[in-house]
Amino acid sequence: MTTPPVQTLSTDVSVAPQLGPQAMAQLAQAGFKSVINNRPDFEGGPDQPTNASIEAAARAAGLAYVFLPVAPNYQSPDEIARFAELLATLPKPILAFCRSGTRSGKLYRAAIGS
C-alpha cells in the first residue's frame, strides 16, 4: 500500500492530490485528524471517487471530514472564509485535497492572508 503524496504547508496543514476511500486509514495512521475535500464530485469524470465514499471511509478511520468543493480557477470570498473557519475549528493536523493539491493550497494561502 502506497502512502498518499502529501505536501506540508504548515505544522497543522498539508495538501494532496485526489485521494480515494482507501487512503483515509493511511492518513489516520500518519497522524492526520481531519480531511477537507475541495474537489467537486465527478469533476474528473465517472471514475473519480465520490464525496460520499470518501467521507464514509474517513469517518470509519476516525477522521473529521468536510466537503468544501470549489472551482479550480476561482475561490469565492465565502469559500475562502469557510476554509479559514475550518482551519480554526477542525482537529489538527488537517489534510486538504483536490485534483492536484493546487487549489487547496490556494485556499490555504487566501485563508491565512498571504
Protein backbone atom coordinates (compact mmCIF):
# COMPACT_ATOMS: atom_id res chain seq x y z
CA MET A 1 0.00 0.00 0.00
CA THR A 2 1.48 3.35 -1.02
CA THR A 3 1.25 6.41 1.16
CA PRO A 4 -0.65 9.29 -0.46
CA PRO A 5 1.63 12.11 -1.71
CA VAL A 6 1.35 14.93 0.81
CA GLN A 7 2.79 18.46 0.72
CA THR A 8 3.19 20.14 4.11
CA LEU A 9 2.17 23.83 4.15
CA SER A 10 2.46 24.41 7.91
CA THR A 11 2.75 22.37 11.09
CA ASP A 12 -1.04 21.93 11.05
CA VAL A 13 -2.00 21.85 7.35
CA SER A 14 -0.99 19.72 4.38
CA VAL A 15 -2.42 19.27 0.89
CA ALA A 16 -2.58 16.35 -1.52
CA PRO A 17 -3.87 15.43 -4.96
CA GLN A 18 -7.08 13.39 -5.36
CA LEU A 19 -7.47 10.82 -2.63
CA GLY A 20 -9.76 7.84 -2.58
CA PRO A 21 -11.51 5.98 0.22
CA GLN A 22 -8.56 3.57 0.59
CA ALA A 23 -6.26 6.46 1.60
CA MET A 24 -8.28 7.51 4.65
CA ALA A 25 -7.00 4.80 7.01
CA GLN A 26 -3.42 5.59 5.91
CA LEU A 27 -3.95 9.28 6.67
CA ALA A 28 -5.26 8.45 10.14
CA GLN A 29 -2.26 6.17 10.73
CA ALA A 30 0.03 9.02 9.59
CA GLY A 31 -1.46 11.20 12.35
CA PHE A 32 -3.95 13.37 10.48
CA LYS A 33 -7.11 14.22 12.41
CA SER A 34 -9.19 15.97 9.71
CA VAL A 35 -9.71 15.88 5.94
CA ILE A 36 -11.16 18.63 3.73
CA ASN A 37 -12.28 17.59 0.24
CA ASN A 38 -12.11 20.60 -2.11
CA ARG A 39 -12.92 18.68 -5.31
CA PRO A 40 -16.46 18.68 -6.72
CA ASP A 41 -17.92 15.23 -7.42
CA PHE A 42 -17.39 14.00 -10.99
CA GLU A 43 -15.11 16.90 -11.93
CA GLY A 44 -12.72 14.26 -13.27
CA GLY A 45 -15.41 12.05 -14.77
CA PRO A 46 -17.28 8.98 -13.58
CA ASP A 47 -14.15 7.19 -12.29
CA GLN A 48 -13.42 9.87 -9.68
CA PRO A 49 -14.23 8.67 -6.14
CA THR A 50 -17.35 10.38 -4.79
CA ASN A 51 -17.51 12.56 -1.74
CA ALA A 52 -19.89 10.08 -0.07
CA SER A 53 -17.48 7.14 -0.47
CA ILE A 54 -14.51 9.15 0.80
CA GLU A 55 -16.49 10.57 3.72
CA ALA A 56 -17.65 7.11 4.82
CA ALA A 57 -14.06 5.82 4.78
CA ALA A 58 -12.75 8.91 6.58
CA ARG A 59 -15.32 8.61 9.36
CA ALA A 60 -14.65 4.86 9.65
CA ALA A 61 -10.95 5.73 10.11
CA GLY A 62 -11.84 8.18 12.90
CA LEU A 63 -11.18 11.34 10.88
CA ALA A 64 -13.22 14.53 10.93
CA TYR A 65 -14.32 15.19 7.34
CA VAL A 66 -15.70 18.22 5.49
CA PHE A 67 -16.77 18.57 1.85
CA LEU A 68 -15.99 22.09 0.58
CA PRO A 69 -15.99 21.79 -3.23
CA VAL A 70 -14.52 24.75 -5.08
CA ALA A 71 -13.81 25.54 -8.74
CA PRO A 72 -10.20 25.11 -9.86
CA ASN A 73 -9.70 28.66 -11.11
CA TYR A 74 -11.81 30.74 -8.71
CA GLN A 75 -12.45 30.56 -4.98
CA SER A 76 -15.11 32.97 -3.74
CA PRO A 77 -14.71 35.12 -0.63
CA ASP A 78 -17.34 32.90 1.06
CA GLU A 79 -15.39 29.74 0.20
CA ILE A 80 -12.16 31.29 1.50
CA ALA A 81 -13.90 32.38 4.71
CA ARG A 82 -15.35 28.88 5.19
CA PHE A 83 -11.90 27.33 4.65
CA ALA A 84 -10.44 29.73 7.25
CA GLU A 85 -13.19 28.73 9.67
CA LEU A 86 -12.38 25.05 9.10
CA LEU A 87 -8.69 25.70 9.69
CA ALA A 88 -9.58 27.32 13.01
CA THR A 89 -12.07 24.69 14.20
CA LEU A 90 -11.17 21.25 12.85
CA PRO A 91 -8.90 18.93 14.83
CA LYS A 92 -5.31 19.24 13.66
CA PRO A 93 -3.34 18.26 11.69
CA ILE A 94 -5.58 18.80 8.67
CA LEU A 95 -5.15 17.44 5.16
CA ALA A 96 -6.98 19.20 2.30
CA PHE A 97 -7.15 17.71 -1.18
CA CYS A 98 -8.36 18.44 -4.72
CA ARG A 99 -7.30 17.19 -8.16
CA SER A 100 -3.64 18.15 -7.84
CA GLY A 101 -3.41 19.88 -4.44
CA THR A 102 -3.03 23.32 -6.06
CA ARG A 103 -6.48 24.77 -5.33
CA SER A 104 -6.34 23.51 -1.73
CA GLY A 105 -3.01 25.31 -1.40
CA LYS A 106 -4.51 28.48 -2.91
CA LEU A 107 -7.41 28.30 -0.47
CA TYR A 108 -4.98 27.89 2.42
CA ARG A 109 -2.89 30.91 1.38
CA ALA A 110 -6.00 33.04 0.84
CA ALA A 111 -7.48 31.94 4.17
CA ILE A 112 -4.38 32.86 6.16
CA GLY A 113 -3.97 36.12 4.25
CA SER A 114 -0.68 35.50 2.47
